[in-house]
Amino acid sequence: MLASNGELIHYTLASNFTIGNGLTLSVGNGLTLNAGVSITIASTGAATTLSFDQNSFAPQTIGGAGQSFSPAPHSPANDKLFSANGRRAW
């Protein structure tokens, strides 16, 4: 679980990952999810965000055989995924 705001640059996740309540994880130069791996955006009331680098001119991708992002059932109104252009994707 992410315990403080953080950033992953051209990273591959090999195990499940949770972004804790009120935190932001920034991704630059793509993110790969190994088979069976998923990311959970786990808001319990505060805005919790997965953001793709808005300052990179390189394409931002989510790749690999892992599962797509799935918000935790706690507070989906505060679970946020932002694309490279800064627009909310869900």
C-alpha atoms as a PDB file:
ATOM      1  CA  MET A   1       0.000   0.000   0.000  1.00  0.00           C
ATOM      2  CA  LEU A   2       1.171   3.505  -0.849  1.00  0.00           C
ATOM      3  CA  ALA A   3       1.635   5.276   2.503  1.00  0.00           C
ATOM      4  CA  SER A   4       2.685   8.684   1.130  1.00  0.00           C
ATOM      5  CA  ASN A   5       2.489  10.448  -2.231  1.00  0.00           C
ATOM      6  CA  GLY A   6       4.842   8.881  -4.749  1.00  0.00           C
ATOM      7  CA  GLU A   7       5.972   8.563  -8.355  1.00  0.00           C
ATOM      8  CA  LEU A   8       6.787   5.594 -10.586  1.00  0.00           C
ATOM      9  CA  ILE A   9       8.900   6.134 -13.707  1.00  0.00           C
ATOM     10  CA  HIS A  10       8.747   3.429 -16.433  1.00  0.00           C
ATOM     11  CA  TYR A  11       7.775   0.837 -13.839  1.00  0.00           C
ATOM     12  CA  THR A  12       6.533  -2.765 -13.831  1.00  0.00           C
ATOM     13  CA  LEU A  13       4.376  -3.937 -10.931  1.00  0.00           C
ATOM     14  CA  ALA A  14       4.821  -7.580  -9.926  1.00  0.00           C
ATOM     15  CA  SER A  15       2.310  -7.591  -7.053  1.00  0.00           C
ATOM     16  CA  ASN A  16      -1.003  -5.957  -6.218  1.00  0.00           C
ATOM     17  CA  PHE A  17      -0.793  -2.305  -5.259  1.00  0.00           C
ATOM     18  CA  THR A  18      -3.150  -0.048  -3.291  1.00  0.00           C
ATOM     19  CA  ILE A  19      -3.136   3.754  -3.261  1.00  0.00           C
ATOM     20  CA  GLY A  20      -4.233   4.730   0.257  1.00  0.00           C
ATOM     21  CA  ASN A  21      -6.880   7.294   1.183  1.00  0.00           C
ATOM     22  CA  GLY A  22      -5.983  10.897   0.324  1.00  0.00           C
ATOM     23  CA  LEU A  23      -2.792  10.018  -1.593  1.00  0.00           C
ATOM     24  CA  THR A  24      -1.597  10.533  -5.174  1.00  0.00           C
ATOM     25  CA  LEU A  25       0.533   8.183  -7.247  1.00  0.00           C
ATOM     26  CA  SER A  26       2.053   9.780 -10.355  1.00  0.00           C
ATOM     27  CA  VAL A  27       3.219   7.639 -13.274  1.00  0.00           C
ATOM     28  CA  GLY A  28       5.715   8.726 -15.934  1.00  0.00           C
ATOM     29  CA  ASN A  29       6.793   6.885 -19.095  1.00  0.00           C
ATOM     30  CA  GLY A  30       4.231   4.118 -18.737  1.00  0.00           C
ATOM     31  CA  LEU A  31       3.194   1.451 -16.279  1.00  0.00           C
ATOM     32  CA  THR A  32       3.196  -2.315 -16.857  1.00  0.00           C
ATOM     33  CA  LEU A  33       1.121  -4.732 -14.779  1.00  0.00           C
ATOM     34  CA  ASN A  34       2.353  -8.336 -14.623  1.00  0.00           C
ATOM     35  CA  ALA A  35      -0.221 -11.116 -14.998  1.00  0.00           C
ATOM     36  CA  GLY A  36      -2.685 -11.215 -12.114  1.00  0.00           C
ATOM     37  CA  VAL A  37      -1.630  -7.808 -10.759  1.00  0.00           C
ATOM     38  CA  SER A  38      -4.100  -4.984 -10.112  1.00  0.00           C
ATOM     39  CA  ILE A  39      -4.085  -1.469  -8.703  1.00  0.00           C
ATOM     40  CA  THR A  40      -6.754  -0.371  -6.222  1.00  0.00           C
ATOM     41  CA  ILE A  41      -7.560   3.290  -5.635  1.00  0.00           C
ATOM     42  CA  ALA A  42      -8.787   3.047  -2.044  1.00  0.00           C
ATOM     43  CA  SER A  43     -10.477   6.261  -0.995  1.00  0.00           C
ATOM     44  CA  THR A  44     -12.391   6.286   2.259  1.00  0.00           C
ATOM     45  CA  GLY A  45     -13.436   9.920   1.903  1.00  0.00           C
ATOM     46  CA  ALA A  46     -10.469  11.998   0.717  1.00  0.00           C
ATOM     47  CA  ALA A  47      -9.510  12.419  -2.943  1.00  0.00           C
ATOM     48  CA  THR A  48      -7.246   9.529  -3.945  1.00  0.00           C
ATOM     49  CA  THR A  49      -5.582   9.803  -7.358  1.00  0.00           C
ATOM     50  CA  LEU A  50      -3.626   7.889  -9.968  1.00  0.00           C
ATOM     51  CA  SER A  51      -2.170  10.492 -12.330  1.00  0.00           C
ATOM     52  CA  PHE A  52      -0.148  10.053 -15.509  1.00  0.00           C
ATOM     53  CA  ASP A  53       2.697  12.532 -16.034  1.00  0.00           C
ATOM     54  CA  GLN A  54       1.298  15.701 -17.577  1.00  0.00           C
ATOM     55  CA  ASN A  55       4.778  17.083 -18.367  1.00  0.00           C
ATOM     56  CA  SER A  56       5.947  14.205 -20.548  1.00  0.00           C
ATOM     57  CA  PHE A  57       5.710  14.348 -24.323  1.00  0.00           C
ATOM     58  CA  ALA A  58       6.027  10.557 -24.496  1.00  0.00           C
ATOM     59  CA  PRO A  59       2.837   8.490 -24.791  1.00  0.00           C
ATOM     60  CA  GLN A  60       1.554   7.320 -21.425  1.00  0.00           C
ATOM     61  CA  THR A  61       0.454   3.693 -21.437  1.00  0.00           C
ATOM     62  CA  ILE A  62      -0.843   1.004 -19.137  1.00  0.00           C
ATOM     63  CA  GLY A  63       0.329  -2.339 -20.446  1.00  0.00           C
ATOM     64  CA  GLY A  64       0.898  -5.941 -19.511  1.00  0.00           C
ATOM     65  CA  ALA A  65      -1.300  -8.903 -18.647  1.00  0.00           C
ATOM     66  CA  GLY A  66      -2.545  -7.522 -15.305  1.00  0.00           C
ATOM     67  CA  GLN A  67      -6.027  -6.331 -14.433  1.00  0.00           C
ATOM     68  CA  SER A  68      -7.273  -2.870 -15.184  1.00  0.00           C
ATOM     69  CA  PHE A  69      -7.695  -0.381 -12.376  1.00  0.00           C
ATOM     70  CA  SER A  70     -10.618  -1.027 -10.086  1.00  0.00           C
ATOM     71  CA  PRO A  71     -11.719   1.468  -7.454  1.00  0.00           C
ATOM     72  CA  ALA A  72     -12.298   0.075  -4.002  1.00  0.00           C
ATOM     73  CA  PRO A  73     -15.973   0.114  -3.006  1.00  0.00           C
ATOM     74  CA  HIS A  74     -15.351   2.623  -0.205  1.00  0.00           C
ATOM     75  CA  SER A  75     -15.851   6.034  -1.823  1.00  0.00           C
ATOM     76  CA  PRO A  76     -15.849   5.923  -5.637  1.00  0.00           C
ATOM     77  CA  ALA A  77     -16.736   9.631  -5.912  1.00  0.00           C
ATOM     78  CA  ASN A  78     -13.252  10.414  -4.575  1.00  0.00           C
ATOM     79  CA  ASP A  79     -11.320   7.790  -6.590  1.00  0.00           C
ATOM     80  CA  LYS A  80      -9.624   9.570  -9.506  1.00  0.00           C
ATOM     81  CA  LEU A  81      -7.638   8.536 -12.563  1.00  0.00           C
ATOM     82  CA  PHE A  82      -6.164  11.392 -14.601  1.00  0.00           C
ATOM     83  CA  SER A  83      -4.797  11.045 -18.109  1.00  0.00           C
ATOM     84  CA  ALA A  84      -1.700  12.783 -19.476  1.00  0.00           C
ATOM     85  CA  ASN A  85      -3.736  15.805 -20.518  1.00  0.00           C
ATOM     86  CA  GLY A  86      -4.981  16.321 -16.967  1.00  0.00           C
ATOM     87  CA  ARG A  87      -8.572  15.321 -17.701  1.00  0.00           C
ATOM     88  CA  ARG A  88     -10.343  12.936 -15.401  1.00  0.00           C
ATOM     89  CA  ALA A  89     -10.611   9.509 -17.010  1.00  0.00           C
ATOM     90  CA  TRP A  90     -13.085   8.174 -14.434  1.00  0.00           C
END
